[in-house]
Amino acid sequence: MINVKNKALVKALGDRIRDLRTQQELSQEDLANEADVPLSQIGRIERGENNPTISTLYVIAQALKIDLKVLVDIKLKK
């Protein structure tokens, strides 16, 4: 796992992306192809192993046909 300052945030973001993707009945491969992001990177993001750039989040949001603000609308569990 990469060194990130807030692992809970990165994990919550990955969970959010997975939830949005599965709601649309897309596979990781479908999302990767639509966003033009490597499949392995999608997997790492969803598992919370990768802290994606804002540019990557933007193309993922576009691929999911949602606004970026919807993608990052996450609540951290306390």
PDB file of N, CA and C in Angstrom:
ATOM      1  N   MET A   1       0.845  -1.178   0.000  1.00  0.00           N
ATOM      2  CA  MET A   1       0.000   0.000   0.000  1.00  0.00           C
ATOM      3  C   MET A   1       0.893   1.243   0.000  1.00  0.00           C
ATOM      4  N   ILE A   2       0.429   2.262  -0.672  1.00  0.00           N
ATOM      5  CA  ILE A   2       1.184   3.500  -0.710  1.00  0.00           C
ATOM      6  C   ILE A   2       1.061   4.228   0.608  1.00  0.00           C
ATOM      7  N   ASN A   3       1.961   5.149   0.848  1.00  0.00           N
ATOM      8  CA  ASN A   3       1.919   5.943   2.069  1.00  0.00           C
ATOM      9  C   ASN A   3       0.975   7.125   1.842  1.00  0.00           C
ATOM     10  N   VAL A   4      -0.138   7.111   2.515  1.00  0.00           N
ATOM     11  CA  VAL A   4      -1.107   8.206   2.413  1.00  0.00           C
ATOM     12  C   VAL A   4      -1.371   8.761   3.801  1.00  0.00           C
ATOM     13  N   LYS A   5      -1.740  10.018   3.847  1.00  0.00           N
ATOM     14  CA  LYS A   5      -1.978  10.662   5.135  1.00  0.00           C
ATOM     15  C   LYS A   5      -3.273  10.206   5.782  1.00  0.00           C
ATOM     16  N   ASN A   6      -4.277   9.913   4.975  1.00  0.00           N
ATOM     17  CA  ASN A   6      -5.566   9.528   5.534  1.00  0.00           C
ATOM     18  C   ASN A   6      -6.066   8.275   4.825  1.00  0.00           C
ATOM     19  N   LYS A   7      -5.674   7.131   5.336  1.00  0.00           N
ATOM     20  CA  LYS A   7      -6.054   5.867   4.711  1.00  0.00           C
ATOM     21  C   LYS A   7      -7.564   5.664   4.711  1.00  0.00           C
ATOM     22  N   ALA A   8      -8.239   6.128   5.753  1.00  0.00           N
ATOM     23  CA  ALA A   8      -9.693   5.972   5.827  1.00  0.00           C
ATOM     24  C   ALA A   8     -10.370   6.733   4.693  1.00  0.00           C
ATOM     25  N   LEU A   9      -9.864   7.904   4.374  1.00  0.00           N
ATOM     26  CA  LEU A   9     -10.426   8.703   3.286  1.00  0.00           C
ATOM     27  C   LEU A   9     -10.234   8.006   1.941  1.00  0.00           C
ATOM     28  N   VAL A  10      -9.040   7.501   1.691  1.00  0.00           N
ATOM     29  CA  VAL A  10      -8.749   6.818   0.425  1.00  0.00           C
ATOM     30  C   VAL A  10      -9.600   5.551   0.306  1.00  0.00           C
ATOM     31  N   LYS A  11      -9.774   4.829   1.405  1.00  0.00           N
ATOM     32  CA  LYS A  11     -10.603   3.620   1.400  1.00  0.00           C
ATOM     33  C   LYS A  11     -12.064   3.977   1.149  1.00  0.00           C
ATOM     34  N   ALA A  12     -12.571   5.026   1.799  1.00  0.00           N
ATOM     35  CA  ALA A  12     -13.955   5.446   1.604  1.00  0.00           C
ATOM     36  C   ALA A  12     -14.194   5.882   0.164  1.00  0.00           C
ATOM     37  N   LEU A  13     -13.241   6.568  -0.426  1.00  0.00           N
ATOM     38  CA  LEU A  13     -13.362   6.985  -1.819  1.00  0.00           C
ATOM     39  C   LEU A  13     -13.416   5.763  -2.733  1.00  0.00           C
ATOM     40  N   GLY A  14     -12.560   4.790  -2.489  1.00  0.00           N
ATOM     41  CA  GLY A  14     -12.576   3.559  -3.281  1.00  0.00           C
ATOM     42  C   GLY A  14     -13.899   2.824  -3.171  1.00  0.00           C
ATOM     43  N   ASP A  15     -14.423   2.763  -1.952  1.00  0.00           N
ATOM     44  CA  ASP A  15     -15.728   2.116  -1.739  1.00  0.00           C
ATOM     45  C   ASP A  15     -16.825   2.857  -2.495  1.00  0.00           C
ATOM     46  N   ARG A  16     -16.750   4.184  -2.485  1.00  0.00           N
ATOM     47  CA  ARG A  16     -17.751   5.007  -3.182  1.00  0.00           C
ATOM     48  C   ARG A  16     -17.721   4.733  -4.684  1.00  0.00           C
ATOM     49  N   ILE A  17     -16.515   4.678  -5.248  1.00  0.00           N
ATOM     50  CA  ILE A  17     -16.379   4.411  -6.683  1.00  0.00           C
ATOM     51  C   ILE A  17     -16.922   3.025  -7.007  1.00  0.00           C
ATOM     52  N   ARG A  18     -16.592   2.034  -6.188  1.00  0.00           N
ATOM     53  CA  ARG A  18     -17.101   0.679  -6.409  1.00  0.00           C
ATOM     54  C   ARG A  18     -18.626   0.650  -6.358  1.00  0.00           C
ATOM     55  N   ASP A  19     -19.200   1.328  -5.358  1.00  0.00           N
ATOM     56  CA  ASP A  19     -20.662   1.359  -5.223  1.00  0.00           C
ATOM     57  C   ASP A  19     -21.323   2.003  -6.442  1.00  0.00           C
ATOM     58  N   LEU A  20     -20.795   3.129  -6.876  1.00  0.00           N
ATOM     59  CA  LEU A  20     -21.368   3.814  -8.038  1.00  0.00           C
ATOM     60  C   LEU A  20     -21.227   2.964  -9.303  1.00  0.00           C
ATOM     61  N   ARG A  21     -20.090   2.297  -9.436  1.00  0.00           N
ATOM     62  CA  ARG A  21     -19.844   1.444 -10.611  1.00  0.00           C
ATOM     63  C   ARG A  21     -20.813   0.267 -10.629  1.00  0.00           C
ATOM     64  N   THR A  22     -20.980  -0.394  -9.491  1.00  0.00           N
ATOM     65  CA  THR A  22     -21.849  -1.570  -9.452  1.00  0.00           C
ATOM     66  C   THR A  22     -23.319  -1.190  -9.598  1.00  0.00           C
ATOM     67  N   GLN A  23     -23.699  -0.009  -9.121  1.00  0.00           N
ATOM     68  CA  GLN A  23     -25.072   0.465  -9.315  1.00  0.00           C
ATOM     69  C   GLN A  23     -25.396   0.580 -10.806  1.00  0.00           C
ATOM     70  N   GLN A  24     -24.386   0.906 -11.597  1.00  0.00           N
ATOM     71  CA  GLN A  24     -24.568   1.039 -13.043  1.00  0.00           C
ATOM     72  C   GLN A  24     -24.297  -0.282 -13.774  1.00  0.00           C
ATOM     73  N   GLU A  25     -24.068  -1.329 -12.987  1.00  0.00           N
ATOM     74  CA  GLU A  25     -23.805  -2.659 -13.529  1.00  0.00           C
ATOM     75  C   GLU A  25     -22.626  -2.668 -14.501  1.00  0.00           C
ATOM     76  N   LEU A  26     -21.584  -1.929 -14.125  1.00  0.00           N
ATOM     77  CA  LEU A  26     -20.352  -1.898 -14.909  1.00  0.00           C
ATOM     78  C   LEU A  26     -19.300  -2.750 -14.225  1.00  0.00           C
ATOM     79  N   SER A  27     -18.510  -3.432 -15.003  1.00  0.00           N
ATOM     80  CA  SER A  27     -17.367  -4.154 -14.460  1.00  0.00           C
ATOM     81  C   SER A  27     -16.213  -3.160 -14.296  1.00  0.00           C
ATOM     82  N   GLN A  28     -15.201  -3.568 -13.558  1.00  0.00           N
ATOM     83  CA  GLN A  28     -14.008  -2.734 -13.456  1.00  0.00           C
ATOM     84  C   GLN A  28     -13.419  -2.498 -14.846  1.00  0.00           C
ATOM     85  N   GLU A  29     -13.451  -3.519 -15.670  1.00  0.00           N
ATOM     86  CA  GLU A  29     -12.917  -3.397 -17.022  1.00  0.00           C
ATOM     87  C   GLU A  29     -13.720  -2.385 -17.843  1.00  0.00           C
ATOM     88  N   ASP A  30     -15.039  -2.420 -17.717  1.00  0.00           N
ATOM     89  CA  ASP A  30     -15.879  -1.441 -18.411  1.00  0.00           C
ATOM     90  C   ASP A  30     -15.502  -0.017 -17.998  1.00  0.00           C
ATOM     91  N   LEU A  31     -15.376   0.194 -16.694  1.00  0.00           N
ATOM     92  CA  LEU A  31     -15.035   1.521 -16.187  1.00  0.00           C
ATOM     93  C   LEU A  31     -13.652   1.940 -16.660  1.00  0.00           C
ATOM     94  N   ALA A  32     -12.704   1.032 -16.588  1.00  0.00           N
ATOM     95  CA  ALA A  32     -11.344   1.339 -17.030  1.00  0.00           C
ATOM     96  C   ALA A  32     -11.324   1.747 -18.504  1.00  0.00           C
ATOM     97  N   ASN A  33     -12.039   1.015 -19.322  1.00  0.00           N
ATOM     98  CA  ASN A  33     -12.078   1.332 -20.754  1.00  0.00           C
ATOM     99  C   ASN A  33     -12.747   2.675 -21.006  1.00  0.00           C
ATOM    100  N   GLU A  34     -13.847   2.921 -20.333  1.00  0.00           N
ATOM    101  CA  GLU A  34     -14.592   4.167 -20.533  1.00  0.00           C
ATOM    102  C   GLU A  34     -13.795   5.380 -20.051  1.00  0.00           C
ATOM    103  N   ALA A  35     -13.062   5.213 -18.948  1.00  0.00           N
ATOM    104  CA  ALA A  35     -12.291   6.315 -18.375  1.00  0.00           C
ATOM    105  C   ALA A  35     -10.888   6.417 -18.959  1.00  0.00           C
ATOM    106  N   ASP A  36     -10.482   5.414 -19.732  1.00  0.00           N
ATOM    107  CA  ASP A  36      -9.120   5.345 -20.281  1.00  0.00           C
ATOM    108  C   ASP A  36      -8.081   5.358 -19.153  1.00  0.00           C
ATOM    109  N   VAL A  37      -8.350   4.514 -18.173  1.00  0.00           N
ATOM    110  CA  VAL A  37      -7.480   4.327 -17.009  1.00  0.00           C
ATOM    111  C   VAL A  37      -7.135   2.841 -16.968  1.00  0.00           C
ATOM    112  N   PRO A  38      -5.890   2.489 -16.650  1.00  0.00           N
ATOM    113  CA  PRO A  38      -5.548   1.062 -16.594  1.00  0.00           C
ATOM    114  C   PRO A  38      -6.448   0.287 -15.622  1.00  0.00           C
ATOM    115  N   LEU A  39      -6.843  -0.899 -16.033  1.00  0.00           N
ATOM    116  CA  LEU A  39      -7.699  -1.758 -15.211  1.00  0.00           C
ATOM    117  C   LEU A  39      -7.090  -1.979 -13.827  1.00  0.00           C
ATOM    118  N   SER A  40      -5.800  -2.215 -13.772  1.00  0.00           N
ATOM    119  CA  SER A  40      -5.146  -2.455 -12.483  1.00  0.00           C
ATOM    120  C   SER A  40      -5.266  -1.233 -11.573  1.00  0.00           C
ATOM    121  N   GLN A  41      -5.262  -0.051 -12.145  1.00  0.00           N
ATOM    122  CA  GLN A  41      -5.389   1.157 -11.339  1.00  0.00           C
ATOM    123  C   GLN A  41      -6.798   1.284 -10.760  1.00  0.00           C
ATOM    124  N   ILE A  42      -7.801   0.936 -11.539  1.00  0.00           N
ATOM    125  CA  ILE A  42      -9.174   0.947 -11.021  1.00  0.00           C
ATOM    126  C   ILE A  42      -9.273   0.019  -9.809  1.00  0.00           C
ATOM    127  N   GLY A  43      -8.714  -1.164  -9.919  1.00  0.00           N
ATOM    128  CA  GLY A  43      -8.727  -2.111  -8.804  1.00  0.00           C
ATOM    129  C   GLY A  43      -8.028  -1.563  -7.578  1.00  0.00           C
ATOM    130  N   ARG A  44      -6.866  -0.954  -7.765  1.00  0.00           N
ATOM    131  CA  ARG A  44      -6.125  -0.385  -6.630  1.00  0.00           C
ATOM    132  C   ARG A  44      -6.897   0.770  -5.991  1.00  0.00           C
ATOM    133  N   ILE A  45      -7.538   1.592  -6.810  1.00  0.00           N
ATOM    134  CA  ILE A  45      -8.331   2.705  -6.276  1.00  0.00           C
ATOM    135  C   ILE A  45      -9.491   2.166  -5.451  1.00  0.00           C
ATOM    136  N   GLU A  46     -10.212   1.200  -5.994  1.00  0.00           N
ATOM    137  CA  GLU A  46     -11.374   0.653  -5.284  1.00  0.00           C
ATOM    138  C   GLU A  46     -10.986  -0.053  -3.986  1.00  0.00           C
ATOM    139  N   ARG A  47      -9.798  -0.627  -3.941  1.00  0.00           N
ATOM    140  CA  ARG A  47      -9.334  -1.298  -2.713  1.00  0.00           C
ATOM    141  C   ARG A  47      -8.712  -0.317  -1.724  1.00  0.00           C
ATOM    142  N   GLY A  48      -8.598   0.951  -2.112  1.00  0.00           N
ATOM    143  CA  GLY A  48      -7.996   1.947  -1.234  1.00  0.00           C
ATOM    144  C   GLY A  48      -6.492   1.860  -1.176  1.00  0.00           C
ATOM    145  N   GLU A  49      -5.890   1.288  -2.204  1.00  0.00           N
ATOM    146  CA  GLU A  49      -4.437   1.136  -2.253  1.00  0.00           C
ATOM    147  C   GLU A  49      -3.775   2.245  -3.059  1.00  0.00           C
ATOM    148  N   ASN A  50      -4.572   3.092  -3.685  1.00  0.00           N
ATOM    149  CA  ASN A  50      -4.050   4.125  -4.565  1.00  0.00           C
ATOM    150  C   ASN A  50      -4.783   5.423  -4.260  1.00  0.00           C
ATOM    151  N   ASN A  51      -4.034   6.493  -4.088  1.00  0.00           N
ATOM    152  CA  ASN A  51      -4.606   7.808  -3.844  1.00  0.00           C
ATOM    153  C   ASN A  51      -4.674   8.527  -5.200  1.00  0.00           C
ATOM    154  N   PRO A  52      -5.826   8.457  -5.877  1.00  0.00           N
ATOM    155  CA  PRO A  52      -5.904   8.970  -7.240  1.00  0.00           C
ATOM    156  C   PRO A  52      -5.811  10.493  -7.311  1.00  0.00           C
ATOM    157  N   THR A  53      -5.301  10.975  -8.434  1.00  0.00           N
ATOM    158  CA  THR A  53      -5.234  12.408  -8.659  1.00  0.00           C
ATOM    159  C   THR A  53      -6.625  12.939  -8.967  1.00  0.00           C
ATOM    160  N   ILE A  54      -6.779  14.235  -8.862  1.00  0.00           N
ATOM    161  CA  ILE A  54      -8.050  14.859  -9.187  1.00  0.00           C
ATOM    162  C   ILE A  54      -8.388  14.636 -10.663  1.00  0.00           C
ATOM    163  N   SER A  55      -7.378  14.587 -11.519  1.00  0.00           N
ATOM    164  CA  SER A  55      -7.607  14.329 -12.946  1.00  0.00           C
ATOM    165  C   SER A  55      -8.168  12.934 -13.167  1.00  0.00           C
ATOM    166  N   THR A  56      -7.648  11.966 -12.437  1.00  0.00           N
ATOM    167  CA  THR A  56      -8.150  10.598 -12.551  1.00  0.00           C
ATOM    168  C   THR A  56      -9.580  10.514 -12.027  1.00  0.00           C
ATOM    169  N   LEU A  57      -9.846  11.164 -10.921  1.00  0.00           N
ATOM    170  CA  LEU A  57     -11.210  11.171 -10.387  1.00  0.00           C
ATOM    171  C   LEU A  57     -12.176  11.811 -11.376  1.00  0.00           C
ATOM    172  N   TYR A  58     -11.724  12.859 -12.056  1.00  0.00           N
ATOM    173  CA  TYR A  58     -12.579  13.539 -13.020  1.00  0.00           C
ATOM    174  C   TYR A  58     -12.950  12.615 -14.179  1.00  0.00           C
ATOM    175  N   VAL A  59     -11.967  11.879 -14.726  1.00  0.00           N
ATOM    176  CA  VAL A  59     -12.291  10.994 -15.854  1.00  0.00           C
ATOM    177  C   VAL A  59     -13.136   9.808 -15.400  1.00  0.00           C
ATOM    178  N   ILE A  60     -12.960   9.362 -14.162  1.00  0.00           N
ATOM    179  CA  ILE A  60     -13.812   8.302 -13.634  1.00  0.00           C
ATOM    180  C   ILE A  60     -15.248   8.822 -13.505  1.00  0.00           C
ATOM    181  N   ALA A  61     -15.404  10.038 -12.991  1.00  0.00           N
ATOM    182  CA  ALA A  61     -16.744  10.633 -12.877  1.00  0.00           C
ATOM    183  C   ALA A  61     -17.390  10.768 -14.255  1.00  0.00           C
ATOM    184  N   GLN A  62     -16.628  11.218 -15.231  1.00  0.00           N
ATOM    185  CA  GLN A  62     -17.162  11.332 -16.594  1.00  0.00           C
ATOM    186  C   GLN A  62     -17.590   9.972 -17.115  1.00  0.00           C
ATOM    187  N   ALA A  63     -16.777   8.951 -16.873  1.00  0.00           N
ATOM    188  CA  ALA A  63     -17.107   7.601 -17.337  1.00  0.00           C
ATOM    189  C   ALA A  63     -18.381   7.086 -16.679  1.00  0.00           C
ATOM    190  N   LEU A  64     -18.607   7.484 -15.432  1.00  0.00           N
ATOM    191  CA  LEU A  64     -19.815   7.079 -14.717  1.00  0.00           C
ATOM    192  C   LEU A  64     -20.993   8.003 -15.024  1.00  0.00           C
ATOM    193  N   LYS A  65     -20.734   9.052 -15.809  1.00  0.00           N
ATOM    194  CA  LYS A  65     -21.763  10.024 -16.214  1.00  0.00           C
ATOM    195  C   LYS A  65     -22.380  10.725 -15.002  1.00  0.00           C
ATOM    196  N   ILE A  66     -21.485  11.122 -14.091  1.00  0.00           N
ATOM    197  CA  ILE A  66     -21.899  11.872 -12.906  1.00  0.00           C
ATOM    198  C   ILE A  66     -20.953  13.053 -12.730  1.00  0.00           C
ATOM    199  N   ASP A  67     -21.384  14.026 -11.934  1.00  0.00           N
ATOM    200  CA  ASP A  67     -20.511  15.149 -11.606  1.00  0.00           C
ATOM    201  C   ASP A  67     -19.435  14.692 -10.635  1.00  0.00           C
ATOM    202  N   LEU A  68     -18.294  15.338 -10.708  1.00  0.00           N
ATOM    203  CA  LEU A  68     -17.192  15.024  -9.805  1.00  0.00           C
ATOM    204  C   LEU A  68     -17.632  15.169  -8.351  1.00  0.00           C
ATOM    205  N   LYS A  69     -18.441  16.173  -8.055  1.00  0.00           N
ATOM    206  CA  LYS A  69     -18.883  16.383  -6.672  1.00  0.00           C
ATOM    207  C   LYS A  69     -19.717  15.209  -6.157  1.00  0.00           C
ATOM    208  N   VAL A  70     -20.420  14.523  -7.037  1.00  0.00           N
ATOM    209  CA  VAL A  70     -21.192  13.335  -6.643  1.00  0.00           C
ATOM    210  C   VAL A  70     -20.224  12.190  -6.317  1.00  0.00           C
ATOM    211  N   LEU A  71     -19.182  12.081  -7.112  1.00  0.00           N
ATOM    212  CA  LEU A  71     -18.202  11.013  -6.906  1.00  0.00           C
ATOM    213  C   LEU A  71     -17.518  11.143  -5.552  1.00  0.00           C
ATOM    214  N   VAL A  72     -17.176  12.359  -5.167  1.00  0.00           N
ATOM    215  CA  VAL A  72     -16.410  12.555  -3.927  1.00  0.00           C
ATOM    216  C   VAL A  72     -17.299  12.872  -2.722  1.00  0.00           C
ATOM    217  N   ASP A  73     -18.595  12.701  -2.850  1.00  0.00           N
ATOM    218  CA  ASP A  73     -19.518  12.922  -1.744  1.00  0.00           C
ATOM    219  C   ASP A  73     -19.478  11.715  -0.816  1.00  0.00           C
ATOM    220  N   ILE A  74     -18.493  11.719   0.078  1.00  0.00           N
ATOM    221  CA  ILE A  74     -18.291  10.564   0.961  1.00  0.00           C
ATOM    222  C   ILE A  74     -18.354  11.007   2.415  1.00  0.00           C
ATOM    223  N   LYS A  75     -18.715  10.088   3.255  1.00  0.00           N
ATOM    224  CA  LYS A  75     -18.748  10.316   4.703  1.00  0.00           C
ATOM    225  C   LYS A  75     -17.781   9.322   5.339  1.00  0.00           C
ATOM    226  N   LEU A  76     -16.908   9.846   6.160  1.00  0.00           N
ATOM    227  CA  LEU A  76     -15.967   8.976   6.860  1.00  0.00           C
ATOM    228  C   LEU A  76     -16.642   8.419   8.100  1.00  0.00           C
ATOM    229  N   LYS A  77     -16.434   7.135   8.324  1.00  0.00           N
ATOM    230  CA  LYS A  77     -16.993   6.489   9.529  1.00  0.00           C
ATOM    231  C   LYS A  77     -16.108   6.857  10.705  1.00  0.00           C
ATOM    232  N   LYS A  78     -16.757   7.186  11.805  1.00  0.00           N
ATOM    233  CA  LYS A  78     -15.996   7.580  12.992  1.00  0.00           C
ATOM    234  C   LYS A  78     -16.010   6.501  14.030  1.00  0.00           C
TER     235      LYS A  78
END
